[in-house]
Amino acid sequence: MLLRPGEENHEYWFMFNGIDKVLHLSIFAALGFAFIATFPRLKFSYFFQIILIYAFLTEILQEEMGLGRSMETLDIVADIMGCLMGYYVYKLLVKRFF
């Protein structure tokens, strides 16, 4: 999803400016949740470094592939916020139910 060709299409009711940031946040929240659920004993610093490297790599690949996507700093911010949300949602669920 992150590497698909970019195109602005406003003919649908759910399309708005900035929807790509919402998608980045959502995808990385799910990724962060799944990653920490898979490796629950992983230290936060390692978790954060791995996710950060992945976020930078996807942004670099978007720029280099030449498919209409570009590298944006706000995408990386949305990726980081999303992975942190996924991490803390997992921690809250474990604390609450286990």
C-alpha atoms as a PDB file:
ATOM      1  CA  MET A   1       0.000   0.000   0.000  1.00  0.00           C
ATOM      2  CA  LEU A   2       2.787   2.416   0.868  1.00  0.00           C
ATOM      3  CA  LEU A   3       4.543   1.895  -2.452  1.00  0.00           C
ATOM      4  CA  ARG A   4       1.533   2.026  -4.791  1.00  0.00           C
ATOM      5  CA  PRO A   5       1.501   4.742  -7.426  1.00  0.00           C
ATOM      6  CA  GLY A   6       0.093   7.955  -6.041  1.00  0.00           C
ATOM      7  CA  GLU A   7      -2.892   9.643  -7.583  1.00  0.00           C
ATOM      8  CA  GLU A   8      -5.218  12.276  -6.263  1.00  0.00           C
ATOM      9  CA  ASN A   9      -8.809  11.261  -6.803  1.00  0.00           C
ATOM     10  CA  HIS A  10     -11.452  13.479  -5.211  1.00  0.00           C
ATOM     11  CA  GLU A  11     -14.517  11.956  -6.850  1.00  0.00           C
ATOM     12  CA  TYR A  12     -15.210   9.735  -3.836  1.00  0.00           C
ATOM     13  CA  TRP A  13     -16.786  11.117  -0.666  1.00  0.00           C
ATOM     14  CA  PHE A  14     -14.060   9.755   1.592  1.00  0.00           C
ATOM     15  CA  MET A  15     -11.146  11.335  -0.295  1.00  0.00           C
ATOM     16  CA  PHE A  16      -9.757  14.519   1.208  1.00  0.00           C
ATOM     17  CA  ASN A  17      -6.451  16.361   1.364  1.00  0.00           C
ATOM     18  CA  GLY A  18      -4.205  14.558   3.806  1.00  0.00           C
ATOM     19  CA  ILE A  19      -5.826  11.134   3.507  1.00  0.00           C
ATOM     20  CA  ASP A  20      -2.376   9.697   2.778  1.00  0.00           C
ATOM     21  CA  LYS A  21      -1.242  10.793   6.258  1.00  0.00           C
ATOM     22  CA  VAL A  22      -4.230   9.023   7.798  1.00  0.00           C
ATOM     23  CA  LEU A  23      -3.360   5.909   5.815  1.00  0.00           C
ATOM     24  CA  HIS A  24       0.277   6.060   6.917  1.00  0.00           C
ATOM     25  CA  LEU A  25      -0.796   6.449  10.544  1.00  0.00           C
ATOM     26  CA  SER A  26      -3.283   3.563  10.295  1.00  0.00           C
ATOM     27  CA  ILE A  27      -0.919   1.193   8.507  1.00  0.00           C
ATOM     28  CA  PHE A  28       1.912   1.828  10.953  1.00  0.00           C
ATOM     29  CA  ALA A  29      -0.425   1.553  13.961  1.00  0.00           C
ATOM     30  CA  ALA A  30      -1.413  -1.912  12.756  1.00  0.00           C
ATOM     31  CA  LEU A  31       2.226  -2.725  11.989  1.00  0.00           C
ATOM     32  CA  GLY A  32       3.414  -1.543  15.411  1.00  0.00           C
ATOM     33  CA  PHE A  33       0.666  -3.485  17.172  1.00  0.00           C
ATOM     34  CA  ALA A  34       1.376  -6.679  15.232  1.00  0.00           C
ATOM     35  CA  PHE A  35       5.133  -6.338  15.633  1.00  0.00           C
ATOM     36  CA  ILE A  36       5.074  -5.908  19.417  1.00  0.00           C
ATOM     37  CA  ALA A  37       2.419  -8.633  19.744  1.00  0.00           C
ATOM     38  CA  THR A  38       4.723 -10.984  17.847  1.00  0.00           C
ATOM     39  CA  PHE A  39       7.808 -10.031  19.883  1.00  0.00           C
ATOM     40  CA  PRO A  40       6.434  -8.929  23.281  1.00  0.00           C
ATOM     41  CA  ARG A  41       9.786  -9.161  25.081  1.00  0.00           C
ATOM     42  CA  LEU A  42      11.502  -6.805  22.636  1.00  0.00           C
ATOM     43  CA  LYS A  43      12.864  -3.674  24.280  1.00  0.00           C
ATOM     44  CA  PHE A  44      11.151  -0.446  23.285  1.00  0.00           C
ATOM     45  CA  SER A  45      14.369   1.046  21.910  1.00  0.00           C
ATOM     46  CA  TYR A  46      14.858  -1.886  19.506  1.00  0.00           C
ATOM     47  CA  PHE A  47      11.197  -1.812  18.525  1.00  0.00           C
ATOM     48  CA  PHE A  48      11.379   1.908  17.787  1.00  0.00           C
ATOM     49  CA  GLN A  49      14.625   1.629  15.814  1.00  0.00           C
ATOM     50  CA  ILE A  50      13.300  -1.187  13.618  1.00  0.00           C
ATOM     51  CA  ILE A  51      10.053   0.627  12.867  1.00  0.00           C
ATOM     52  CA  LEU A  52      11.915   3.891  12.214  1.00  0.00           C
ATOM     53  CA  ILE A  53      14.252   2.193   9.737  1.00  0.00           C
ATOM     54  CA  TYR A  54      11.251   0.649   7.972  1.00  0.00           C
ATOM     55  CA  ALA A  55       9.516   4.038   7.798  1.00  0.00           C
ATOM     56  CA  PHE A  56      12.585   5.697   6.279  1.00  0.00           C
ATOM     57  CA  LEU A  57      13.095   2.854   3.805  1.00  0.00           C
ATOM     58  CA  THR A  58       9.509   3.013   2.554  1.00  0.00           C
ATOM     59  CA  GLU A  59       9.788   6.776   2.096  1.00  0.00           C
ATOM     60  CA  ILE A  60      13.093   6.456   0.236  1.00  0.00           C
ATOM     61  CA  LEU A  61      11.623   3.738  -1.986  1.00  0.00           C
ATOM     62  CA  GLN A  62       8.595   5.909  -2.740  1.00  0.00           C
ATOM     63  CA  GLU A  63      10.932   8.623  -4.001  1.00  0.00           C
ATOM     64  CA  GLU A  64      13.256   6.322  -5.945  1.00  0.00           C
ATOM     65  CA  MET A  65      10.663   4.139  -7.692  1.00  0.00           C
ATOM     66  CA  GLY A  66       9.333   7.039  -9.764  1.00  0.00           C
ATOM     67  CA  LEU A  67       5.679   5.986  -9.603  1.00  0.00           C
ATOM     68  CA  GLY A  68       4.202   9.330  -8.663  1.00  0.00           C
ATOM     69  CA  ARG A  69       4.929   9.109  -4.932  1.00  0.00           C
ATOM     70  CA  SER A  70       7.368  11.374  -3.155  1.00  0.00           C
ATOM     71  CA  MET A  71       9.299  11.369   0.094  1.00  0.00           C
ATOM     72  CA  GLU A  72       7.611  13.573   2.681  1.00  0.00           C
ATOM     73  CA  THR A  73       8.684  14.380   6.214  1.00  0.00           C
ATOM     74  CA  LEU A  74       5.071  14.411   7.415  1.00  0.00           C
ATOM     75  CA  ASP A  75       4.660  10.828   6.189  1.00  0.00           C
ATOM     76  CA  ILE A  76       7.528   9.779   8.445  1.00  0.00           C
ATOM     77  CA  VAL A  77       5.944  11.682  11.349  1.00  0.00           C
ATOM     78  CA  ALA A  78       2.637   9.905  10.689  1.00  0.00           C
ATOM     79  CA  ASP A  79       4.478   6.562  10.519  1.00  0.00           C
ATOM     80  CA  ILE A  80       6.173   7.174  13.872  1.00  0.00           C
ATOM     81  CA  MET A  81       2.955   8.327  15.527  1.00  0.00           C
ATOM     82  CA  GLY A  82       1.145   5.288  14.160  1.00  0.00           C
ATOM     83  CA  CYS A  83       3.719   2.788  15.404  1.00  0.00           C
ATOM     84  CA  LEU A  84       3.734   4.428  18.841  1.00  0.00           C
ATOM     85  CA  MET A  85      -0.057   4.260  18.949  1.00  0.00           C
ATOM     86  CA  GLY A  86       0.028   0.562  18.043  1.00  0.00           C
ATOM     87  CA  TYR A  87       2.689  -0.106  20.677  1.00  0.00           C
ATOM     88  CA  TYR A  88       0.808   1.643  23.467  1.00  0.00           C
ATOM     89  CA  VAL A  89      -2.563   0.147  22.514  1.00  0.00           C
ATOM     90  CA  TYR A  90      -0.973  -3.298  22.777  1.00  0.00           C
ATOM     91  CA  LYS A  91       0.578  -2.455  26.155  1.00  0.00           C
ATOM     92  CA  LEU A  92      -2.761  -1.110  27.445  1.00  0.00           C
ATOM     93  CA  LEU A  93      -4.629  -4.214  26.296  1.00  0.00           C
ATOM     94  CA  VAL A  94      -2.088  -6.538  27.903  1.00  0.00           C
ATOM     95  CA  LYS A  95      -2.181  -4.552  31.134  1.00  0.00           C
ATOM     96  CA  ARG A  96      -5.962  -4.475  31.188  1.00  0.00           C
ATOM     97  CA  PHE A  97      -6.791  -8.057  30.187  1.00  0.00           C
ATOM     98  CA  PHE A  98      -3.757 -10.108  31.141  1.00  0.00           C
END
